[in-house]
Amino acid sequence: MREITLDLDEVRLRALTWGPATGRLAVLLHGFPDTAHTWRHLGPALADVGWRVVAPFTRGYAPSTVPGDGSGHIAALMDDAVAVHARLGGGSDAVLVGHDWGAITANALSAHADNPFVAVAALSVPPFAALRTPAALRVLPRQLRNSWYVLFNQLPVLPERVAEPLVRRLWADWSPGYDASEDLPAVLAAIPDTAHRRAVFAYYRNVFRPFPRVPARYRRWAGAEMRPPVTPTLYLHGDRDGCLDPRLAALAEPGLPPGSEAHLIAGAGHFLQLEQPAAVNARILEFLARR
């Protein structure tokens, strides 16, 4: 593993990287509350078969900077992923893997005509369009209970002040029984001060603003997260996920485009790439080998 710096127009991203400089590009995006270290199993597995793997700390997560425009919009995250692809000369055979907010970003790019990635793997958050079905109503009561943190993250100031106990609570609830002692110090180091915490919670606050003011440079991406994907997509979900109900995985598959797959990962919670790395790696490697 090495570290690199990617200077984008509005933010400087630090990234972990594995594999040969000449391999096909795989960009790996982490979620909340997490860091690029979440890919410590998948990154080397992809590198071992020749992929050039780059996993940025996404905007607002140290050692990446707080974005100059303050935007945490999904459209801004999409723009960052596309800019990483461009900075690294990814080409038309590059792939995108995302977990949680990284999956939201990947799903949105999968639905956009200007997506530069040939295939997408999304973990733990299905495409939003897949949830617009009457079948989702059966999941809604339990999901509303699980999603209390979404409303909590809308509050001003308080989430920033209680970030440490909040992070510990979410990891315990979302992946019950998983030993996160290797992950929590890295997550807390990534949100060391009010500025970084505000940037991270802005991801949630921007989603629920009634009239989101998306900066002009990102507007071409806005709204893609609500459209069905058109890029071949692998969707993986842990069968013990305490964040998003595992029944949502079954709703995702019918809305995926040709060449896509959806699988439940046995014995895994929300952070399935850490809890069951062998199973997750195998599914992703098999899917990408056919792209």
C-alpha atoms as a PDB file:
ATOM      1  CA  MET A   1       0.000   0.000   0.000  1.00  0.00           C
ATOM      2  CA  ARG A   2       1.106   3.525  -0.844  1.00  0.00           C
ATOM      3  CA  GLU A   3      -0.415   6.980  -0.393  1.00  0.00           C
ATOM      4  CA  ILE A   4      -0.879   9.609  -3.084  1.00  0.00           C
ATOM      5  CA  THR A   5      -2.328  13.111  -3.275  1.00  0.00           C
ATOM      6  CA  LEU A   6      -4.911  14.111  -5.867  1.00  0.00           C
ATOM      7  CA  ASP A   7      -5.375  17.847  -6.343  1.00  0.00           C
ATOM      8  CA  LEU A   8      -8.881  18.431  -7.663  1.00  0.00           C
ATOM      9  CA  ASP A   9     -10.362  21.853  -8.366  1.00  0.00           C
ATOM     10  CA  GLU A  10     -12.252  22.213  -5.059  1.00  0.00           C
ATOM     11  CA  VAL A  11     -10.590  19.693  -2.780  1.00  0.00           C
ATOM     12  CA  ARG A  12      -7.295  17.897  -2.203  1.00  0.00           C
ATOM     13  CA  LEU A  13      -7.804  14.180  -1.716  1.00  0.00           C
ATOM     14  CA  ARG A  14      -5.371  11.805  -0.109  1.00  0.00           C
ATOM     15  CA  ALA A  15      -5.748   8.242  -1.329  1.00  0.00           C
ATOM     16  CA  LEU A  16      -4.480   4.763  -0.590  1.00  0.00           C
ATOM     17  CA  THR A  17      -3.292   2.834  -3.609  1.00  0.00           C
ATOM     18  CA  TRP A  18      -2.321  -0.733  -4.415  1.00  0.00           C
ATOM     19  CA  GLY A  19      -1.150  -2.522  -7.526  1.00  0.00           C
ATOM     20  CA  PRO A  20       0.804  -1.711 -10.686  1.00  0.00           C
ATOM     21  CA  ALA A  21       0.814   1.801 -12.136  1.00  0.00           C
ATOM     22  CA  THR A  22      -0.102   0.381 -15.545  1.00  0.00           C
ATOM     23  CA  GLY A  23      -3.082  -1.761 -14.463  1.00  0.00           C
ATOM     24  CA  ARG A  24      -6.744  -1.128 -15.158  1.00  0.00           C
ATOM     25  CA  LEU A  25      -8.060   1.503 -12.757  1.00  0.00           C
ATOM     26  CA  ALA A  26     -10.403   0.579  -9.916  1.00  0.00           C
ATOM     27  CA  VAL A  27     -11.619   3.522  -7.792  1.00  0.00           C
ATOM     28  CA  LEU A  28     -12.915   2.511  -4.341  1.00  0.00           C
ATOM     29  CA  LEU A  29     -15.150   4.923  -2.385  1.00  0.00           C
ATOM     30  CA  HIS A  30     -15.857   4.526   1.323  1.00  0.00           C
ATOM     31  CA  GLY A  31     -18.978   5.573   3.214  1.00  0.00           C
ATOM     32  CA  PHE A  32     -20.057   7.078   6.547  1.00  0.00           C
ATOM     33  CA  PRO A  33     -18.638   6.870   9.119  1.00  0.00           C
ATOM     34  CA  ASP A  34     -15.608   5.227   7.588  1.00  0.00           C
ATOM     35  CA  THR A  35     -12.332   5.810   5.744  1.00  0.00           C
ATOM     36  CA  ALA A  36     -10.309   4.482   2.838  1.00  0.00           C
ATOM     37  CA  HIS A  37      -8.868   1.876   5.236  1.00  0.00           C
ATOM     38  CA  THR A  38     -12.148  -0.008   4.824  1.00  0.00           C
ATOM     39  CA  TRP A  39     -10.668  -1.348   1.565  1.00  0.00           C
ATOM     40  CA  ARG A  40      -7.623  -2.957   3.203  1.00  0.00           C
ATOM     41  CA  HIS A  41      -8.837  -6.414   2.121  1.00  0.00           C
ATOM     42  CA  LEU A  42     -10.287  -5.675  -1.316  1.00  0.00           C
ATOM     43  CA  GLY A  43      -7.462  -3.347  -2.409  1.00  0.00           C
ATOM     44  CA  PRO A  44      -4.700  -5.980  -2.216  1.00  0.00           C
ATOM     45  CA  ALA A  45      -6.983  -8.665  -3.693  1.00  0.00           C
ATOM     46  CA  LEU A  46      -7.602  -6.527  -6.779  1.00  0.00           C
ATOM     47  CA  ALA A  47      -3.924  -5.585  -6.988  1.00  0.00           C
ATOM     48  CA  ASP A  48      -2.929  -9.250  -6.929  1.00  0.00           C
ATOM     49  CA  VAL A  49      -4.721  -9.798 -10.253  1.00  0.00           C
ATOM     50  CA  GLY A  50      -3.294  -6.662 -11.853  1.00  0.00           C
ATOM     51  CA  TRP A  51      -5.681  -3.832 -11.007  1.00  0.00           C
ATOM     52  CA  ARG A  52      -4.424  -0.321 -10.182  1.00  0.00           C
ATOM     53  CA  VAL A  53      -6.493   0.414  -7.091  1.00  0.00           C
ATOM     54  CA  VAL A  54      -7.054   3.932  -5.735  1.00  0.00           C
ATOM     55  CA  ALA A  55      -9.152   4.516  -2.610  1.00  0.00           C
ATOM     56  CA  PRO A  56      -9.528   8.196  -1.699  1.00  0.00           C
ATOM     57  CA  PHE A  57     -10.516   9.621   1.630  1.00  0.00           C
ATOM     58  CA  THR A  58     -13.596  11.375   0.280  1.00  0.00           C
ATOM     59  CA  ARG A  59     -14.118  15.115   0.658  1.00  0.00           C
ATOM     60  CA  GLY A  60     -14.184  16.236   4.262  1.00  0.00           C
ATOM     61  CA  TYR A  61     -12.459  13.149   5.676  1.00  0.00           C
ATOM     62  CA  ALA A  62      -8.896  13.877   6.812  1.00  0.00           C
ATOM     63  CA  PRO A  63      -6.219  13.678   5.559  1.00  0.00           C
ATOM     64  CA  SER A  64      -8.260  14.942   2.587  1.00  0.00           C
ATOM     65  CA  THR A  65      -9.244  18.571   2.922  1.00  0.00           C
ATOM     66  CA  VAL A  66     -12.539  20.272   3.581  1.00  0.00           C
ATOM     67  CA  PRO A  67     -13.831  21.273   0.123  1.00  0.00           C
ATOM     68  CA  GLY A  68     -13.381  24.913  -0.760  1.00  0.00           C
ATOM     69  CA  ASP A  69     -17.003  25.239  -1.877  1.00  0.00           C
ATOM     70  CA  GLY A  70     -18.372  23.507   1.223  1.00  0.00           C
ATOM     71  CA  SER A  71     -20.514  21.184  -0.882  1.00  0.00           C
ATOM     72  CA  GLY A  72     -21.479  17.730   0.339  1.00  0.00           C
ATOM     73  CA  HIS A  73     -24.032  17.136  -2.412  1.00  0.00           C
ATOM     74  CA  ILE A  74     -24.211  13.754  -4.123  1.00  0.00           C
ATOM     75  CA  ALA A  75     -23.458  15.624  -7.347  1.00  0.00           C
ATOM     76  CA  ALA A  76     -20.193  16.890  -5.802  1.00  0.00           C
ATOM     77  CA  LEU A  77     -19.183  13.365  -4.792  1.00  0.00           C
ATOM     78  CA  MET A  78     -19.901  12.203  -8.334  1.00  0.00           C
ATOM     79  CA  ASP A  79     -17.794  15.031  -9.722  1.00  0.00           C
ATOM     80  CA  ASP A  80     -14.911  14.059  -7.438  1.00  0.00           C
ATOM     81  CA  ALA A  81     -15.047  10.431  -8.603  1.00  0.00           C
ATOM     82  CA  VAL A  82     -15.028  11.491 -12.253  1.00  0.00           C
ATOM     83  CA  ALA A  83     -12.175  13.922 -11.564  1.00  0.00           C
ATOM     84  CA  VAL A  84     -10.142  11.138  -9.913  1.00  0.00           C
ATOM     85  CA  HIS A  85     -10.708   9.025 -13.004  1.00  0.00           C
ATOM     86  CA  ALA A  86      -9.526  11.884 -15.237  1.00  0.00           C
ATOM     87  CA  ARG A  87      -6.470  12.757 -13.104  1.00  0.00           C
ATOM     88  CA  LEU A  88      -5.332   9.133 -13.181  1.00  0.00           C
ATOM     89  CA  GLY A  89      -6.015   8.559 -16.871  1.00  0.00           C
ATOM     90  CA  GLY A  90      -8.489   5.814 -16.119  1.00  0.00           C
ATOM     91  CA  GLY A  91      -9.655   5.115 -19.645  1.00  0.00           C
ATOM     92  CA  SER A  92     -12.838   3.378 -20.772  1.00  0.00           C
ATOM     93  CA  ASP A  93     -12.142   0.146 -18.870  1.00  0.00           C
ATOM     94  CA  ALA A  94     -12.035   1.640 -15.355  1.00  0.00           C
ATOM     95  CA  VAL A  95     -14.440   0.432 -12.657  1.00  0.00           C
ATOM     96  CA  LEU A  96     -15.992   2.007  -9.578  1.00  0.00           C
ATOM     97  CA  VAL A  97     -16.662   0.292  -6.236  1.00  0.00           C
ATOM     98  CA  GLY A  98     -18.530   2.040  -3.438  1.00  0.00           C
ATOM     99  CA  HIS A  99     -19.829   1.275   0.042  1.00  0.00           C
ATOM    100  CA  ASP A 100     -22.583   3.236   1.831  1.00  0.00           C
ATOM    101  CA  TRP A 101     -22.171   6.869   0.623  1.00  0.00           C
ATOM    102  CA  GLY A 102     -19.646   5.510  -1.854  1.00  0.00           C
ATOM    103  CA  ALA A 103     -22.417   3.200  -3.096  1.00  0.00           C
ATOM    104  CA  ILE A 104     -24.817   6.147  -3.403  1.00  0.00           C
ATOM    105  CA  THR A 105     -22.192   7.898  -5.520  1.00  0.00           C
ATOM    106  CA  ALA A 106     -21.553   4.775  -7.614  1.00  0.00           C
ATOM    107  CA  ASN A 107     -25.271   4.135  -8.142  1.00  0.00           C
ATOM    108  CA  ALA A 108     -25.809   7.732  -9.245  1.00  0.00           C
ATOM    109  CA  LEU A 109     -22.936   7.576 -11.727  1.00  0.00           C
ATOM    110  CA  SER A 110     -24.260   4.246 -12.978  1.00  0.00           C
ATOM    111  CA  ALA A 111     -27.457   6.082 -13.941  1.00  0.00           C
ATOM    112  CA  HIS A 112     -25.753   8.977 -15.746  1.00  0.00           C
ATOM    113  CA  ALA A 113     -24.945   9.056 -19.452  1.00  0.00           C
ATOM    114  CA  ASP A 114     -21.531  10.611 -18.774  1.00  0.00           C
ATOM    115  CA  ASN A 115     -20.386   7.890 -16.375  1.00  0.00           C
ATOM    116  CA  PRO A 116     -16.753   7.089 -17.359  1.00  0.00           C
ATOM    117  CA  PHE A 117     -16.716   3.734 -15.536  1.00  0.00           C
ATOM    118  CA  VAL A 118     -17.486   0.541 -17.458  1.00  0.00           C
ATOM    119  CA  ALA A 119     -18.901  -1.284 -14.420  1.00  0.00           C
ATOM    120  CA  VAL A 120     -19.970  -0.512 -10.862  1.00  0.00           C
ATOM    121  CA  ALA A 121     -20.055  -2.504  -7.626  1.00  0.00           C
ATOM    122  CA  ALA A 122     -22.273  -1.054  -4.899  1.00  0.00           C
ATOM    123  CA  LEU A 123     -22.300  -2.324  -1.315  1.00  0.00           C
ATOM    124  CA  SER A 124     -24.995  -1.865   1.349  1.00  0.00           C
ATOM    125  CA  VAL A 125     -27.088   0.882  -0.324  1.00  0.00           C
ATOM    126  CA  PRO A 126     -29.223  -0.110  -3.330  1.00  0.00           C
ATOM    127  CA  PRO A 127     -30.117   2.315  -6.130  1.00  0.00           C
ATOM    128  CA  PHE A 128     -32.787   4.679  -4.814  1.00  0.00           C
ATOM    129  CA  ALA A 129     -34.938   4.019  -7.892  1.00  0.00           C
ATOM    130  CA  ALA A 130     -35.237   0.363  -6.840  1.00  0.00           C
ATOM    131  CA  LEU A 131     -37.017   1.412  -3.659  1.00  0.00           C
ATOM    132  CA  ARG A 132     -39.888   3.144  -5.475  1.00  0.00           C
ATOM    133  CA  THR A 133     -42.062   0.047  -5.425  1.00  0.00           C
ATOM    134  CA  PRO A 134     -45.037  -1.033  -3.286  1.00  0.00           C
ATOM    135  CA  ALA A 135     -42.941  -3.934  -2.015  1.00  0.00           C
ATOM    136  CA  ALA A 136     -40.755  -1.430  -0.164  1.00  0.00           C
ATOM    137  CA  LEU A 137     -43.684  -0.584   2.113  1.00  0.00           C
ATOM    138  CA  ARG A 138     -43.239  -3.908   3.910  1.00  0.00           C
ATOM    139  CA  VAL A 139     -39.717  -2.886   4.883  1.00  0.00           C
ATOM    140  CA  LEU A 140     -40.579   0.697   5.792  1.00  0.00           C
ATOM    141  CA  PRO A 141     -41.527   0.364   9.509  1.00  0.00           C
ATOM    142  CA  ARG A 142     -38.288  -1.382  10.482  1.00  0.00           C
ATOM    143  CA  GLN A 143     -36.238   0.822   8.189  1.00  0.00           C
ATOM    144  CA  LEU A 144     -37.606   4.001   9.750  1.00  0.00           C
ATOM    145  CA  ARG A 145     -36.428   2.777  13.142  1.00  0.00           C
ATOM    146  CA  ASN A 146     -32.999   1.937  11.745  1.00  0.00           C
ATOM    147  CA  SER A 147     -32.698   5.350  10.086  1.00  0.00           C
ATOM    148  CA  TRP A 148     -33.009   7.513  13.225  1.00  0.00           C
ATOM    149  CA  TYR A 149     -29.464   8.746  12.666  1.00  0.00           C
ATOM    150  CA  VAL A 150     -30.449  10.371   9.345  1.00  0.00           C
ATOM    151  CA  LEU A 151     -32.783  12.766  11.167  1.00  0.00           C
ATOM    152  CA  PHE A 152     -30.279  13.229  13.990  1.00  0.00           C
ATOM    153  CA  ASN A 153     -27.625  14.272  11.473  1.00  0.00           C
ATOM    154  CA  GLN A 154     -29.875  17.119  10.316  1.00  0.00           C
ATOM    155  CA  LEU A 155     -29.558  18.880  13.666  1.00  0.00           C
ATOM    156  CA  PRO A 156     -27.261  21.903  13.803  1.00  0.00           C
ATOM    157  CA  VAL A 157     -24.069  21.654  15.877  1.00  0.00           C
ATOM    158  CA  LEU A 158     -25.032  18.654  18.045  1.00  0.00           C
ATOM    159  CA  PRO A 159     -23.829  15.859  15.699  1.00  0.00           C
ATOM    160  CA  GLU A 160     -20.420  17.537  15.474  1.00  0.00           C
ATOM    161  CA  ARG A 161     -20.197  17.707  19.261  1.00  0.00           C
ATOM    162  CA  VAL A 162     -21.084  14.061  19.864  1.00  0.00           C
ATOM    163  CA  ALA A 163     -19.337  12.611  16.809  1.00  0.00           C
ATOM    164  CA  GLU A 164     -17.217  10.109  18.743  1.00  0.00           C
ATOM    165  CA  PRO A 165     -20.030   8.350  20.672  1.00  0.00           C
ATOM    166  CA  LEU A 166     -22.234   8.552  17.576  1.00  0.00           C
ATOM    167  CA  VAL A 167     -19.618   6.786  15.438  1.00  0.00           C
ATOM    168  CA  ARG A 168     -19.127   4.067  18.044  1.00  0.00           C
ATOM    169  CA  ARG A 169     -22.887   3.532  18.378  1.00  0.00           C
ATOM    170  CA  LEU A 170     -23.452   3.272  14.615  1.00  0.00           C
ATOM    171  CA  TRP A 171     -20.676   0.718  14.074  1.00  0.00           C
ATOM    172  CA  ALA A 172     -22.015  -1.405  16.950  1.00  0.00           C
ATOM    173  CA  ASP A 173     -25.607  -1.219  15.686  1.00  0.00           C
ATOM    174  CA  TRP A 174     -24.858  -1.684  12.000  1.00  0.00           C
ATOM    175  CA  SER A 175     -22.423  -4.603  12.276  1.00  0.00           C
ATOM    176  CA  PRO A 176     -23.330  -6.368  15.520  1.00  0.00           C
ATOM    177  CA  GLY A 177     -20.577  -8.581  16.864  1.00  0.00           C
ATOM    178  CA  TYR A 178     -17.880  -7.168  14.595  1.00  0.00           C
ATOM    179  CA  ASP A 179     -14.675  -6.069  16.343  1.00  0.00           C
ATOM    180  CA  ALA A 180     -14.128  -2.539  15.023  1.00  0.00           C
ATOM    181  CA  SER A 181     -11.056  -1.817  17.149  1.00  0.00           C
ATOM    182  CA  GLU A 182      -8.911  -1.485  14.022  1.00  0.00           C
ATOM    183  CA  ASP A 183     -11.401   0.803  12.294  1.00  0.00           C
ATOM    184  CA  LEU A 184     -12.698   3.238  14.914  1.00  0.00           C
ATOM    185  CA  PRO A 185      -9.367   5.027  15.584  1.00  0.00           C
ATOM    186  CA  ALA A 186      -8.984   5.663  11.837  1.00  0.00           C
ATOM    187  CA  VAL A 187     -12.552   6.967  11.549  1.00  0.00           C
ATOM    188  CA  LEU A 188     -12.152   9.326  14.495  1.00  0.00           C
ATOM    189  CA  ALA A 189      -8.801  10.543  13.127  1.00  0.00           C
ATOM    190  CA  ALA A 190     -10.589  11.386   9.859  1.00  0.00           C
ATOM    191  CA  ILE A 191     -13.006  13.765  11.616  1.00  0.00           C
ATOM    192  CA  PRO A 192     -10.582  15.484  14.015  1.00  0.00           C
ATOM    193  CA  ASP A 193     -12.206  18.920  14.238  1.00  0.00           C
ATOM    194  CA  THR A 194     -15.413  20.853  13.706  1.00  0.00           C
ATOM    195  CA  ALA A 195     -14.591  21.786  10.111  1.00  0.00           C
ATOM    196  CA  HIS A 196     -14.100  18.175   8.986  1.00  0.00           C
ATOM    197  CA  ARG A 197     -17.133  16.999  10.949  1.00  0.00           C
ATOM    198  CA  ARG A 198     -19.314  19.711   9.447  1.00  0.00           C
ATOM    199  CA  ALA A 199     -18.169  18.704   5.968  1.00  0.00           C
ATOM    200  CA  VAL A 200     -19.025  15.047   6.629  1.00  0.00           C
ATOM    201  CA  PHE A 201     -22.462  15.725   8.125  1.00  0.00           C
ATOM    202  CA  ALA A 202     -23.144  18.013   5.153  1.00  0.00           C
ATOM    203  CA  TYR A 203     -23.604  14.851   3.069  1.00  0.00           C
ATOM    204  CA  TYR A 204     -26.837  14.225   5.005  1.00  0.00           C
ATOM    205  CA  ARG A 205     -27.891  17.821   5.436  1.00  0.00           C
ATOM    206  CA  ASN A 206     -27.683  18.555   1.716  1.00  0.00           C
ATOM    207  CA  VAL A 207     -29.876  15.567   0.817  1.00  0.00           C
ATOM    208  CA  PHE A 208     -32.790  16.809   2.899  1.00  0.00           C
ATOM    209  CA  ARG A 209     -32.704  20.499   2.132  1.00  0.00           C
ATOM    210  CA  PRO A 210     -36.012  21.384   0.421  1.00  0.00           C
ATOM    211  CA  PHE A 211     -34.248  23.568  -2.142  1.00  0.00           C
ATOM    212  CA  PRO A 212     -30.664  22.284  -2.378  1.00  0.00           C
ATOM    213  CA  ARG A 213     -28.324  24.846  -3.850  1.00  0.00           C
ATOM    214  CA  VAL A 214     -25.988  22.706  -5.887  1.00  0.00           C
ATOM    215  CA  PRO A 215     -22.917  24.681  -7.013  1.00  0.00           C
ATOM    216  CA  ALA A 216     -22.901  25.336 -10.744  1.00  0.00           C
ATOM    217  CA  ARG A 217     -19.932  23.066 -11.502  1.00  0.00           C
ATOM    218  CA  TYR A 218     -21.847  20.013 -10.194  1.00  0.00           C
ATOM    219  CA  ARG A 219     -25.302  20.657 -11.645  1.00  0.00           C
ATOM    220  CA  ARG A 220     -24.889  18.354 -14.624  1.00  0.00           C
ATOM    221  CA  TRP A 221     -24.773  15.428 -12.170  1.00  0.00           C
ATOM    222  CA  ALA A 222     -27.717  16.525 -10.010  1.00  0.00           C
ATOM    223  CA  GLY A 223     -30.697  14.180  -9.821  1.00  0.00           C
ATOM    224  CA  ALA A 224     -28.975  11.107 -11.246  1.00  0.00           C
ATOM    225  CA  GLU A 225     -29.254   9.350  -7.885  1.00  0.00           C
ATOM    226  CA  MET A 226     -33.022   9.054  -8.410  1.00  0.00           C
ATOM    227  CA  ARG A 227     -32.749   7.411 -11.836  1.00  0.00           C
ATOM    228  CA  PRO A 228     -32.310   3.675 -12.479  1.00  0.00           C
ATOM    229  CA  PRO A 229     -28.773   2.499 -13.284  1.00  0.00           C
ATOM    230  CA  VAL A 230     -27.795   1.805 -16.880  1.00  0.00           C
ATOM    231  CA  THR A 231     -24.225   0.594 -16.259  1.00  0.00           C
ATOM    232  CA  PRO A 232     -23.717  -3.106 -15.357  1.00  0.00           C
ATOM    233  CA  THR A 233     -23.845  -3.196 -11.569  1.00  0.00           C
ATOM    234  CA  LEU A 234     -22.967  -5.724  -8.886  1.00  0.00           C
ATOM    235  CA  TYR A 235     -24.998  -5.159  -5.715  1.00  0.00           C
ATOM    236  CA  LEU A 236     -23.949  -6.773  -2.416  1.00  0.00           C
ATOM    237  CA  HIS A 237     -25.730  -6.562   0.939  1.00  0.00           C
ATOM    238  CA  GLY A 238     -25.018  -8.214   4.298  1.00  0.00           C
ATOM    239  CA  ASP A 239     -27.781 -10.481   5.601  1.00  0.00           C
ATOM    240  CA  ARG A 240     -27.299  -9.064   9.133  1.00  0.00           C
ATOM    241  CA  ASP A 241     -27.158  -5.387   8.167  1.00  0.00           C
ATOM    242  CA  GLY A 242     -28.390  -3.225  11.051  1.00  0.00           C
ATOM    243  CA  CYS A 243     -28.436  -0.043   8.992  1.00  0.00           C
ATOM    244  CA  LEU A 244     -30.384  -0.903   5.840  1.00  0.00           C
ATOM    245  CA  ASP A 245     -32.810  -3.810   6.030  1.00  0.00           C
ATOM    246  CA  PRO A 246     -31.440  -6.855   4.139  1.00  0.00           C
ATOM    247  CA  ARG A 247     -34.836  -7.280   2.449  1.00  0.00           C
ATOM    248  CA  LEU A 248     -33.944  -4.230   0.360  1.00  0.00           C
ATOM    249  CA  ALA A 249     -31.420  -6.324  -1.562  1.00  0.00           C
ATOM    250  CA  ALA A 250     -34.214  -8.356  -3.147  1.00  0.00           C
ATOM    251  CA  LEU A 251     -35.872  -5.111  -4.283  1.00  0.00           C
ATOM    252  CA  ALA A 252     -32.688  -3.941  -5.968  1.00  0.00           C
ATOM    253  CA  GLU A 253     -32.159  -6.820  -8.393  1.00  0.00           C
ATOM    254  CA  PRO A 254     -35.198  -6.344 -10.700  1.00  0.00           C
ATOM    255  CA  GLY A 255     -34.220  -2.731 -11.385  1.00  0.00           C
ATOM    256  CA  LEU A 256     -30.627  -3.433 -12.358  1.00  0.00           C
ATOM    257  CA  PRO A 257     -29.595  -3.280 -16.040  1.00  0.00           C
ATOM    258  CA  PRO A 258     -28.560  -6.313 -18.147  1.00  0.00           C
ATOM    259  CA  GLY A 259     -25.286  -7.865 -17.051  1.00  0.00           C
ATOM    260  CA  SER A 260     -25.932  -7.003 -13.391  1.00  0.00           C
ATOM    261  CA  GLU A 261     -26.136  -9.169 -10.272  1.00  0.00           C
ATOM    262  CA  ALA A 262     -27.328  -8.858  -6.667  1.00  0.00           C
ATOM    263  CA  HIS A 263     -26.245 -11.092  -3.767  1.00  0.00           C
ATOM    264  CA  LEU A 264     -26.742 -11.334  -0.022  1.00  0.00           C
ATOM    265  CA  ILE A 265     -23.516 -11.987   1.887  1.00  0.00           C
ATOM    266  CA  ALA A 266     -24.076 -14.467   4.715  1.00  0.00           C
ATOM    267  CA  GLY A 267     -22.862 -13.575   8.183  1.00  0.00           C
ATOM    268  CA  ALA A 268     -22.227  -9.915   7.366  1.00  0.00           C
ATOM    269  CA  GLY A 269     -23.640  -6.663   8.672  1.00  0.00           C
ATOM    270  CA  HIS A 270     -23.368  -3.232   7.101  1.00  0.00           C
ATOM    271  CA  PHE A 271     -19.569  -3.242   6.795  1.00  0.00           C
ATOM    272  CA  LEU A 272     -19.580  -6.488   4.838  1.00  0.00           C
ATOM    273  CA  GLN A 273     -16.254  -5.791   3.089  1.00  0.00           C
ATOM    274  CA  LEU A 274     -14.605  -6.003   6.532  1.00  0.00           C
ATOM    275  CA  GLU A 275     -16.757  -8.700   8.125  1.00  0.00           C
ATOM    276  CA  GLN A 276     -16.702 -11.227   5.270  1.00  0.00           C
ATOM    277  CA  PRO A 277     -13.820 -10.088   3.049  1.00  0.00           C
ATOM    278  CA  ALA A 278     -13.249 -13.445   1.355  1.00  0.00           C
ATOM    279  CA  ALA A 279     -16.862 -13.699   0.169  1.00  0.00           C
ATOM    280  CA  VAL A 280     -17.070 -10.047  -0.867  1.00  0.00           C
ATOM    281  CA  ASN A 281     -13.732 -10.123  -2.676  1.00  0.00           C
ATOM    282  CA  ALA A 282     -14.690 -13.274  -4.550  1.00  0.00           C
ATOM    283  CA  ARG A 283     -17.968 -11.784  -5.777  1.00  0.00           C
ATOM    284  CA  ILE A 284     -16.310  -8.549  -6.906  1.00  0.00           C
ATOM    285  CA  LEU A 285     -13.345 -10.242  -8.587  1.00  0.00           C
ATOM    286  CA  GLU A 286     -15.636 -12.643 -10.439  1.00  0.00           C
ATOM    287  CA  PHE A 287     -17.928  -9.830 -11.617  1.00  0.00           C
ATOM    288  CA  LEU A 288     -15.108  -7.546 -12.746  1.00  0.00           C
ATOM    289  CA  ALA A 289     -13.316 -10.364 -14.566  1.00  0.00           C
ATOM    290  CA  ARG A 290     -16.223 -10.459 -17.018  1.00  0.00           C
ATOM    291  CA  ARG A 291     -16.237  -6.737 -17.753  1.00  0.00           C
END
